[in-house]
Amino acid sequence: MMISPARSSSKISKRVARKPSHRIQLRSRDWLNIMIISVSAMFLLLVLIGKMLSETESRSSQTLPVEAIQLLRIDFGALQLVKKIDRWGEENGRLKAARAQRIGQSWQDLLAQPSNKVSNKKYTGETLLFYFNHIEQPVVVKLVLSPDAAKAVFVAAQVEYPIARETIEQYMPRQMKTLTQE
Protein backbone atom coordinates (compact mmCIF):
# COMPACT_ATOMS: atom_id res chain seq x y z
CA MET A 1 0.00 0.00 0.00
CA MET A 2 1.25 3.27 -0.97
CA ILE A 3 0.97 6.35 1.17
CA SER A 4 -0.19 9.33 -0.60
CA PRO A 5 2.00 12.40 -0.35
CA ALA A 6 -0.86 14.45 1.02
CA ARG A 7 -1.47 12.02 3.80
CA SER A 8 2.18 11.77 4.88
CA SER A 9 2.59 15.53 4.92
CA SER A 10 -0.36 15.87 7.28
CA LYS A 11 1.26 13.47 9.74
CA ILE A 12 4.47 15.43 9.60
CA SER A 13 2.67 18.70 10.11
CA LYS A 14 0.86 17.29 13.14
CA ARG A 15 4.16 16.25 14.68
CA VAL A 16 5.71 19.64 14.08
CA ALA A 17 2.66 21.50 15.31
CA ARG A 18 2.76 19.67 18.62
CA LYS A 19 4.66 21.52 21.36
CA PRO A 20 7.45 19.54 22.82
CA SER A 21 6.97 18.55 26.47
CA HIS A 22 9.55 20.17 28.78
CA ARG A 23 8.63 17.89 31.61
CA ILE A 24 11.51 15.71 32.68
CA GLN A 25 10.64 12.11 33.06
CA LEU A 26 12.65 10.66 35.95
CA ARG A 27 12.65 7.09 37.05
CA SER A 28 12.48 6.15 40.72
CA ARG A 29 16.19 5.36 40.64
CA ASP A 30 16.92 8.92 39.46
CA TRP A 31 14.74 10.39 42.22
CA LEU A 32 16.61 8.26 44.77
CA ASN A 33 19.95 9.65 43.54
CA ILE A 34 18.61 13.21 43.80
CA MET A 35 17.45 12.57 47.38
CA ILE A 36 20.82 11.09 48.38
CA ILE A 37 22.71 14.06 46.94
CA SER A 38 20.31 16.55 48.60
CA VAL A 39 20.59 14.93 52.03
CA SER A 40 24.39 14.77 51.72
CA ALA A 41 24.54 18.47 50.80
CA MET A 42 22.32 19.44 53.75
CA PHE A 43 24.45 17.34 56.13
CA LEU A 44 27.62 19.02 54.86
CA LEU A 45 26.00 22.43 55.25
CA LEU A 46 25.02 21.70 58.86
CA VAL A 47 28.53 20.48 59.71
CA LEU A 48 30.08 23.63 58.23
CA ILE A 49 27.64 25.88 60.10
CA GLY A 50 28.47 24.05 63.35
CA LYS A 51 32.19 24.57 62.81
CA MET A 52 31.69 28.26 62.06
CA LEU A 53 29.60 28.72 65.23
CA SER A 54 32.15 26.94 67.42
CA GLU A 55 34.95 29.10 66.01
CA THR A 56 32.91 32.23 66.71
CA GLU A 57 32.18 31.04 70.25
CA SER A 58 35.81 30.22 70.95
CA ARG A 59 36.89 33.65 69.71
CA SER A 60 34.28 35.38 71.89
CA SER A 61 35.18 33.34 74.98
CA GLN A 62 38.83 34.32 74.87
CA THR A 63 39.64 36.12 78.06
CA LEU A 64 41.10 39.56 78.21
CA PRO A 65 44.33 39.99 80.13
CA VAL A 66 43.80 40.78 83.80
CA GLU A 67 45.27 44.24 83.29
CA ALA A 68 42.56 45.02 80.73
CA ILE A 69 39.67 43.93 82.96
CA GLN A 70 38.89 46.45 85.64
CA LEU A 71 36.33 45.99 88.34
CA LEU A 72 34.35 49.23 88.40
CA ARG A 73 31.54 48.55 90.85
CA ILE A 74 30.56 45.98 93.47
CA ASP A 75 26.93 45.77 94.52
CA PHE A 76 26.45 44.11 97.93
CA GLY A 77 22.70 44.80 97.89
CA ALA A 78 22.31 47.52 100.50
CA LEU A 79 25.82 48.81 99.87
CA GLN A 80 27.57 49.69 96.61
CA LEU A 81 31.28 50.26 96.17
CA VAL A 82 32.34 52.31 93.16
CA LYS A 83 35.81 52.79 91.74
CA LYS A 84 36.51 56.37 90.75
CA ILE A 85 39.82 56.78 88.98
CA ASP A 86 42.10 54.75 91.30
CA ARG A 87 40.16 54.95 94.56
CA TRP A 88 37.26 52.91 95.85
CA GLY A 89 34.43 54.56 97.71
CA GLU A 90 30.93 53.86 98.95
CA GLU A 91 28.15 55.75 97.16
CA ASN A 92 26.21 56.80 100.26
CA GLY A 93 29.19 57.46 102.52
CA ARG A 94 28.15 54.82 105.08
CA LEU A 95 31.56 53.12 104.84
CA LYS A 96 34.88 54.75 105.62
CA ALA A 97 37.03 55.48 102.57
CA ALA A 98 39.95 53.35 103.80
CA ARG A 99 37.68 50.33 104.40
CA ALA A 100 36.03 50.75 100.98
CA GLN A 101 39.49 50.94 99.38
CA ARG A 102 40.64 47.72 101.11
CA ILE A 103 37.51 45.82 100.06
CA GLY A 104 37.62 46.98 96.45
CA GLN A 105 41.33 46.31 96.10
CA SER A 106 40.95 42.87 97.71
CA TRP A 107 38.40 41.87 95.09
CA GLN A 108 40.54 43.24 92.25
CA ASP A 109 43.56 41.31 93.58
CA LEU A 110 41.49 38.14 93.97
CA LEU A 111 40.46 38.31 90.31
CA ALA A 112 44.13 38.33 89.30
CA GLN A 113 44.61 34.95 91.03
CA PRO A 114 44.05 31.63 89.21
CA SER A 115 40.50 30.30 89.28
CA ASN A 116 39.08 26.78 89.43
CA LYS A 117 36.40 25.35 87.13
CA VAL A 118 33.27 24.25 88.97
CA SER A 119 30.34 22.10 87.98
CA ASN A 120 26.99 23.63 87.18
CA LYS A 121 25.25 23.47 90.52
CA LYS A 122 23.28 25.81 92.70
CA TYR A 123 25.19 27.68 95.35
CA THR A 124 23.78 29.25 98.45
CA GLY A 125 25.38 32.31 99.84
CA GLU A 126 25.43 36.05 99.53
CA THR A 127 24.75 37.30 96.00
CA LEU A 128 26.97 40.09 94.73
CA LEU A 129 26.88 41.93 91.42
CA PHE A 130 30.17 42.90 89.79
CA TYR A 131 30.41 45.50 87.05
CA PHE A 132 33.45 45.41 84.75
CA ASN A 133 34.68 47.89 82.15
CA HIS A 134 34.50 45.48 79.16
CA ILE A 135 31.24 43.72 80.11
CA GLU A 136 27.90 45.46 79.67
CA GLN A 137 25.80 43.32 82.03
CA PRO A 138 26.54 42.78 85.73
CA VAL A 139 28.26 39.52 86.64
CA VAL A 140 26.54 37.45 89.34
CA VAL A 141 28.90 36.25 92.06
CA LYS A 142 27.97 34.01 94.99
CA LEU A 143 30.05 34.44 98.13
CA VAL A 144 29.91 30.99 99.73
CA LEU A 145 31.18 30.04 103.19
CA SER A 146 32.04 26.52 104.24
CA PRO A 147 33.41 25.48 107.65
CA ASP A 148 37.03 25.58 106.50
CA ALA A 149 37.11 28.11 103.64
CA ALA A 150 35.19 30.54 101.54
CA LYS A 151 34.94 31.02 97.81
CA ALA A 152 33.63 33.49 95.30
CA VAL A 153 31.70 31.63 92.58
CA PHE A 154 31.14 33.34 89.25
CA VAL A 155 27.89 31.61 88.33
CA ALA A 156 27.73 32.18 84.55
CA ALA A 157 31.42 31.49 83.93
CA GLN A 158 31.34 28.47 86.29
CA VAL A 159 34.59 29.39 87.99
CA GLU A 160 35.46 29.91 91.61
CA TYR A 161 38.14 31.83 93.43
CA PRO A 162 39.14 30.36 96.79
CA ILE A 163 39.30 32.74 99.74
CA ALA A 164 41.03 31.86 103.00
CA ARG A 165 38.47 31.82 105.81
CA GLU A 166 40.54 34.12 108.01
CA THR A 167 40.69 36.77 105.26
CA ILE A 168 36.96 36.88 104.47
CA GLU A 169 36.63 40.20 106.32
CA GLN A 170 38.77 41.83 103.62
CA TYR A 171 36.12 41.05 101.00
CA MET A 172 32.94 42.25 102.67
CA PRO A 173 31.68 45.22 104.60
CA ARG A 174 30.93 44.68 108.27
CA GLN A 175 27.19 44.93 107.59
CA MET A 176 27.27 41.54 105.86
CA LYS A 177 27.26 39.13 108.79
CA THR A 178 24.50 36.90 107.40
CA LEU A 179 26.52 34.70 105.06
CA THR A 180 25.11 31.19 104.90
CA GLN A 181 26.98 27.92 105.05
CA GLU A 182 27.37 25.85 101.84
C-alpha atoms as a PDB file:
ATOM      1  CA  MET A   1       0.000   0.000   0.000  1.00  0.00           C
ATOM      2  CA  MET A   2       1.251   3.268  -0.972  1.00  0.00           C
ATOM      3  CA  ILE A   3       0.973   6.348   1.167  1.00  0.00           C
ATOM      4  CA  SER A   4      -0.192   9.327  -0.597  1.00  0.00           C
ATOM      5  CA  PRO A   5       2.001  12.395  -0.346  1.00  0.00           C
ATOM      6  CA  ALA A   6      -0.863  14.449   1.023  1.00  0.00           C
ATOM      7  CA  ARG A   7      -1.467  12.023   3.799  1.00  0.00           C
ATOM      8  CA  SER A   8       2.177  11.767   4.878  1.00  0.00           C
ATOM      9  CA  SER A   9       2.595  15.527   4.921  1.00  0.00           C
ATOM     10  CA  SER A  10      -0.355  15.870   7.275  1.00  0.00           C
ATOM     11  CA  LYS A  11       1.258  13.470   9.737  1.00  0.00           C
ATOM     12  CA  ILE A  12       4.471  15.426   9.601  1.00  0.00           C
ATOM     13  CA  SER A  13       2.673  18.703  10.109  1.00  0.00           C
ATOM     14  CA  LYS A  14       0.858  17.293  13.141  1.00  0.00           C
ATOM     15  CA  ARG A  15       4.163  16.250  14.684  1.00  0.00           C
ATOM     16  CA  VAL A  16       5.714  19.643  14.076  1.00  0.00           C
ATOM     17  CA  ALA A  17       2.656  21.503  15.312  1.00  0.00           C
ATOM     18  CA  ARG A  18       2.760  19.673  18.625  1.00  0.00           C
ATOM     19  CA  LYS A  19       4.658  21.525  21.364  1.00  0.00           C
ATOM     20  CA  PRO A  20       7.449  19.538  22.818  1.00  0.00           C
ATOM     21  CA  SER A  21       6.970  18.551  26.468  1.00  0.00           C
ATOM     22  CA  HIS A  22       9.548  20.172  28.779  1.00  0.00           C
ATOM     23  CA  ARG A  23       8.630  17.887  31.605  1.00  0.00           C
ATOM     24  CA  ILE A  24      11.513  15.715  32.677  1.00  0.00           C
ATOM     25  CA  GLN A  25      10.642  12.105  33.061  1.00  0.00           C
ATOM     26  CA  LEU A  26      12.651  10.663  35.952  1.00  0.00           C
ATOM     27  CA  ARG A  27      12.654   7.086  37.048  1.00  0.00           C
ATOM     28  CA  SER A  28      12.479   6.153  40.723  1.00  0.00           C
ATOM     29  CA  ARG A  29      16.194   5.358  40.639  1.00  0.00           C
ATOM     30  CA  ASP A  30      16.924   8.920  39.463  1.00  0.00           C
ATOM     31  CA  TRP A  31      14.742  10.385  42.224  1.00  0.00           C
ATOM     32  CA  LEU A  32      16.608   8.260  44.770  1.00  0.00           C
ATOM     33  CA  ASN A  33      19.947   9.651  43.540  1.00  0.00           C
ATOM     34  CA  ILE A  34      18.613  13.207  43.798  1.00  0.00           C
ATOM     35  CA  MET A  35      17.449  12.566  47.379  1.00  0.00           C
ATOM     36  CA  ILE A  36      20.825  11.091  48.380  1.00  0.00           C
ATOM     37  CA  ILE A  37      22.708  14.061  46.940  1.00  0.00           C
ATOM     38  CA  SER A  38      20.309  16.554  48.602  1.00  0.00           C
ATOM     39  CA  VAL A  39      20.586  14.928  52.027  1.00  0.00           C
ATOM     40  CA  SER A  40      24.394  14.775  51.724  1.00  0.00           C
ATOM     41  CA  ALA A  41      24.536  18.465  50.798  1.00  0.00           C
ATOM     42  CA  MET A  42      22.324  19.437  53.752  1.00  0.00           C
ATOM     43  CA  PHE A  43      24.446  17.341  56.126  1.00  0.00           C
ATOM     44  CA  LEU A  44      27.617  19.016  54.857  1.00  0.00           C
ATOM     45  CA  LEU A  45      26.003  22.435  55.255  1.00  0.00           C
ATOM     46  CA  LEU A  46      25.015  21.701  58.863  1.00  0.00           C
ATOM     47  CA  VAL A  47      28.527  20.477  59.707  1.00  0.00           C
ATOM     48  CA  LEU A  48      30.077  23.630  58.227  1.00  0.00           C
ATOM     49  CA  ILE A  49      27.644  25.882  60.105  1.00  0.00           C
ATOM     50  CA  GLY A  50      28.466  24.051  63.346  1.00  0.00           C
ATOM     51  CA  LYS A  51      32.189  24.572  62.812  1.00  0.00           C
ATOM     52  CA  MET A  52      31.686  28.258  62.065  1.00  0.00           C
ATOM     53  CA  LEU A  53      29.597  28.723  65.226  1.00  0.00           C
ATOM     54  CA  SER A  54      32.145  26.937  67.416  1.00  0.00           C
ATOM     55  CA  GLU A  55      34.954  29.100  66.005  1.00  0.00           C
ATOM     56  CA  THR A  56      32.912  32.225  66.711  1.00  0.00           C
ATOM     57  CA  GLU A  57      32.179  31.036  70.246  1.00  0.00           C
ATOM     58  CA  SER A  58      35.813  30.216  70.953  1.00  0.00           C
ATOM     59  CA  ARG A  59      36.888  33.646  69.715  1.00  0.00           C
ATOM     60  CA  SER A  60      34.282  35.381  71.889  1.00  0.00           C
ATOM     61  CA  SER A  61      35.179  33.343  74.982  1.00  0.00           C
ATOM     62  CA  GLN A  62      38.832  34.324  74.873  1.00  0.00           C
ATOM     63  CA  THR A  63      39.636  36.122  78.056  1.00  0.00           C
ATOM     64  CA  LEU A  64      41.100  39.559  78.205  1.00  0.00           C
ATOM     65  CA  PRO A  65      44.332  39.991  80.127  1.00  0.00           C
ATOM     66  CA  VAL A  66      43.799  40.778  83.800  1.00  0.00           C
ATOM     67  CA  GLU A  67      45.275  44.236  83.295  1.00  0.00           C
ATOM     68  CA  ALA A  68      42.560  45.021  80.727  1.00  0.00           C
ATOM     69  CA  ILE A  69      39.673  43.930  82.965  1.00  0.00           C
ATOM     70  CA  GLN A  70      38.894  46.447  85.639  1.00  0.00           C
ATOM     71  CA  LEU A  71      36.332  45.986  88.337  1.00  0.00           C
ATOM     72  CA  LEU A  72      34.353  49.227  88.399  1.00  0.00           C
ATOM     73  CA  ARG A  73      31.540  48.547  90.851  1.00  0.00           C
ATOM     74  CA  ILE A  74      30.563  45.980  93.473  1.00  0.00           C
ATOM     75  CA  ASP A  75      26.932  45.767  94.520  1.00  0.00           C
ATOM     76  CA  PHE A  76      26.446  44.110  97.928  1.00  0.00           C
ATOM     77  CA  GLY A  77      22.702  44.802  97.895  1.00  0.00           C
ATOM     78  CA  ALA A  78      22.310  47.516 100.503  1.00  0.00           C
ATOM     79  CA  LEU A  79      25.821  48.813  99.873  1.00  0.00           C
ATOM     80  CA  GLN A  80      27.565  49.687  96.609  1.00  0.00           C
ATOM     81  CA  LEU A  81      31.284  50.256  96.167  1.00  0.00           C
ATOM     82  CA  VAL A  82      32.342  52.305  93.160  1.00  0.00           C
ATOM     83  CA  LYS A  83      35.807  52.789  91.740  1.00  0.00           C
ATOM     84  CA  LYS A  84      36.515  56.372  90.746  1.00  0.00           C
ATOM     85  CA  ILE A  85      39.823  56.780  88.978  1.00  0.00           C
ATOM     86  CA  ASP A  86      42.105  54.748  91.295  1.00  0.00           C
ATOM     87  CA  ARG A  87      40.163  54.955  94.561  1.00  0.00           C
ATOM     88  CA  TRP A  88      37.262  52.907  95.851  1.00  0.00           C
ATOM     89  CA  GLY A  89      34.428  54.564  97.715  1.00  0.00           C
ATOM     90  CA  GLU A  90      30.928  53.864  98.948  1.00  0.00           C
ATOM     91  CA  GLU A  91      28.154  55.747  97.157  1.00  0.00           C
ATOM     92  CA  ASN A  92      26.209  56.804 100.259  1.00  0.00           C
ATOM     93  CA  GLY A  93      29.188  57.462 102.521  1.00  0.00           C
ATOM     94  CA  ARG A  94      28.151  54.817 105.080  1.00  0.00           C
ATOM     95  CA  LEU A  95      31.555  53.116 104.837  1.00  0.00           C
ATOM     96  CA  LYS A  96      34.882  54.745 105.624  1.00  0.00           C
ATOM     97  CA  ALA A  97      37.034  55.475 102.572  1.00  0.00           C
ATOM     98  CA  ALA A  98      39.950  53.346 103.803  1.00  0.00           C
ATOM     99  CA  ARG A  99      37.677  50.333 104.405  1.00  0.00           C
ATOM    100  CA  ALA A 100      36.034  50.746 100.977  1.00  0.00           C
ATOM    101  CA  GLN A 101      39.489  50.944  99.382  1.00  0.00           C
ATOM    102  CA  ARG A 102      40.643  47.722 101.111  1.00  0.00           C
ATOM    103  CA  ILE A 103      37.507  45.821 100.064  1.00  0.00           C
ATOM    104  CA  GLY A 104      37.616  46.980  96.451  1.00  0.00           C
ATOM    105  CA  GLN A 105      41.331  46.308  96.104  1.00  0.00           C
ATOM    106  CA  SER A 106      40.948  42.868  97.715  1.00  0.00           C
ATOM    107  CA  TRP A 107      38.400  41.875  95.089  1.00  0.00           C
ATOM    108  CA  GLN A 108      40.541  43.239  92.249  1.00  0.00           C
ATOM    109  CA  ASP A 109      43.557  41.313  93.578  1.00  0.00           C
ATOM    110  CA  LEU A 110      41.492  38.137  93.966  1.00  0.00           C
ATOM    111  CA  LEU A 111      40.459  38.308  90.311  1.00  0.00           C
ATOM    112  CA  ALA A 112      44.131  38.334  89.304  1.00  0.00           C
ATOM    113  CA  GLN A 113      44.606  34.946  91.033  1.00  0.00           C
ATOM    114  CA  PRO A 114      44.047  31.626  89.206  1.00  0.00           C
ATOM    115  CA  SER A 115      40.503  30.302  89.277  1.00  0.00           C
ATOM    116  CA  ASN A 116      39.082  26.778  89.430  1.00  0.00           C
ATOM    117  CA  LYS A 117      36.402  25.349  87.134  1.00  0.00           C
ATOM    118  CA  VAL A 118      33.266  24.250  88.968  1.00  0.00           C
ATOM    119  CA  SER A 119      30.343  22.099  87.982  1.00  0.00           C
ATOM    120  CA  ASN A 120      26.995  23.634  87.176  1.00  0.00           C
ATOM    121  CA  LYS A 121      25.250  23.467  90.524  1.00  0.00           C
ATOM    122  CA  LYS A 122      23.279  25.806  92.699  1.00  0.00           C
ATOM    123  CA  TYR A 123      25.190  27.683  95.354  1.00  0.00           C
ATOM    124  CA  THR A 124      23.775  29.249  98.450  1.00  0.00           C
ATOM    125  CA  GLY A 125      25.380  32.314  99.840  1.00  0.00           C
ATOM    126  CA  GLU A 126      25.431  36.054  99.531  1.00  0.00           C
ATOM    127  CA  THR A 127      24.747  37.298  95.995  1.00  0.00           C
ATOM    128  CA  LEU A 128      26.970  40.090  94.727  1.00  0.00           C
ATOM    129  CA  LEU A 129      26.883  41.927  91.423  1.00  0.00           C
ATOM    130  CA  PHE A 130      30.170  42.898  89.790  1.00  0.00           C
ATOM    131  CA  TYR A 131      30.411  45.499  87.047  1.00  0.00           C
ATOM    132  CA  PHE A 132      33.454  45.407  84.750  1.00  0.00           C
ATOM    133  CA  ASN A 133      34.682  47.887  82.146  1.00  0.00           C
ATOM    134  CA  HIS A 134      34.500  45.479  79.158  1.00  0.00           C
ATOM    135  CA  ILE A 135      31.244  43.719  80.108  1.00  0.00           C
ATOM    136  CA  GLU A 136      27.898  45.462  79.671  1.00  0.00           C
ATOM    137  CA  GLN A 137      25.803  43.317  82.035  1.00  0.00           C
ATOM    138  CA  PRO A 138      26.541  42.783  85.728  1.00  0.00           C
ATOM    139  CA  VAL A 139      28.256  39.516  86.637  1.00  0.00           C
ATOM    140  CA  VAL A 140      26.543  37.454  89.335  1.00  0.00           C
ATOM    141  CA  VAL A 141      28.897  36.249  92.063  1.00  0.00           C
ATOM    142  CA  LYS A 142      27.967  34.013  94.990  1.00  0.00           C
ATOM    143  CA  LEU A 143      30.052  34.438  98.125  1.00  0.00           C
ATOM    144  CA  VAL A 144      29.911  30.988  99.729  1.00  0.00           C
ATOM    145  CA  LEU A 145      31.182  30.043 103.185  1.00  0.00           C
ATOM    146  CA  SER A 146      32.036  26.524 104.243  1.00  0.00           C
ATOM    147  CA  PRO A 147      33.410  25.485 107.651  1.00  0.00           C
ATOM    148  CA  ASP A 148      37.032  25.579 106.501  1.00  0.00           C
ATOM    149  CA  ALA A 149      37.109  28.109 103.643  1.00  0.00           C
ATOM    150  CA  ALA A 150      35.193  30.543 101.536  1.00  0.00           C
ATOM    151  CA  LYS A 151      34.939  31.021  97.811  1.00  0.00           C
ATOM    152  CA  ALA A 152      33.628  33.493  95.299  1.00  0.00           C
ATOM    153  CA  VAL A 153      31.703  31.625  92.584  1.00  0.00           C
ATOM    154  CA  PHE A 154      31.135  33.338  89.254  1.00  0.00           C
ATOM    155  CA  VAL A 155      27.889  31.605  88.327  1.00  0.00           C
ATOM    156  CA  ALA A 156      27.731  32.181  84.552  1.00  0.00           C
ATOM    157  CA  ALA A 157      31.418  31.489  83.927  1.00  0.00           C
ATOM    158  CA  GLN A 158      31.343  28.472  86.290  1.00  0.00           C
ATOM    159  CA  VAL A 159      34.592  29.388  87.989  1.00  0.00           C
ATOM    160  CA  GLU A 160      35.456  29.907  91.614  1.00  0.00           C
ATOM    161  CA  TYR A 161      38.144  31.826  93.434  1.00  0.00           C
ATOM    162  CA  PRO A 162      39.142  30.358  96.794  1.00  0.00           C
ATOM    163  CA  ILE A 163      39.300  32.739  99.737  1.00  0.00           C
ATOM    164  CA  ALA A 164      41.027  31.857 103.005  1.00  0.00           C
ATOM    165  CA  ARG A 165      38.467  31.817 105.805  1.00  0.00           C
ATOM    166  CA  GLU A 166      40.538  34.120 108.011  1.00  0.00           C
ATOM    167  CA  THR A 167      40.691  36.775 105.264  1.00  0.00           C
ATOM    168  CA  ILE A 168      36.964  36.877 104.471  1.00  0.00           C
ATOM    169  CA  GLU A 169      36.629  40.201 106.321  1.00  0.00           C
ATOM    170  CA  GLN A 170      38.774  41.833 103.618  1.00  0.00           C
ATOM    171  CA  TYR A 171      36.121  41.054 101.001  1.00  0.00           C
ATOM    172  CA  MET A 172      32.944  42.250 102.666  1.00  0.00           C
ATOM    173  CA  PRO A 173      31.678  45.217 104.600  1.00  0.00           C
ATOM    174  CA  ARG A 174      30.929  44.676 108.271  1.00  0.00           C
ATOM    175  CA  GLN A 175      27.187  44.933 107.589  1.00  0.00           C
ATOM    176  CA  MET A 176      27.274  41.543 105.862  1.00  0.00           C
ATOM    177  CA  LYS A 177      27.256  39.126 108.793  1.00  0.00           C
ATOM    178  CA  THR A 178      24.495  36.900 107.399  1.00  0.00           C
ATOM    179  CA  LEU A 179      26.521  34.700 105.065  1.00  0.00           C
ATOM    180  CA  THR A 180      25.113  31.188 104.896  1.00  0.00           C
ATOM    181  CA  GLN A 181      26.975  27.915 105.050  1.00  0.00           C
ATOM    182  CA  GLU A 182      27.375  25.853 101.838  1.00  0.00           C
END
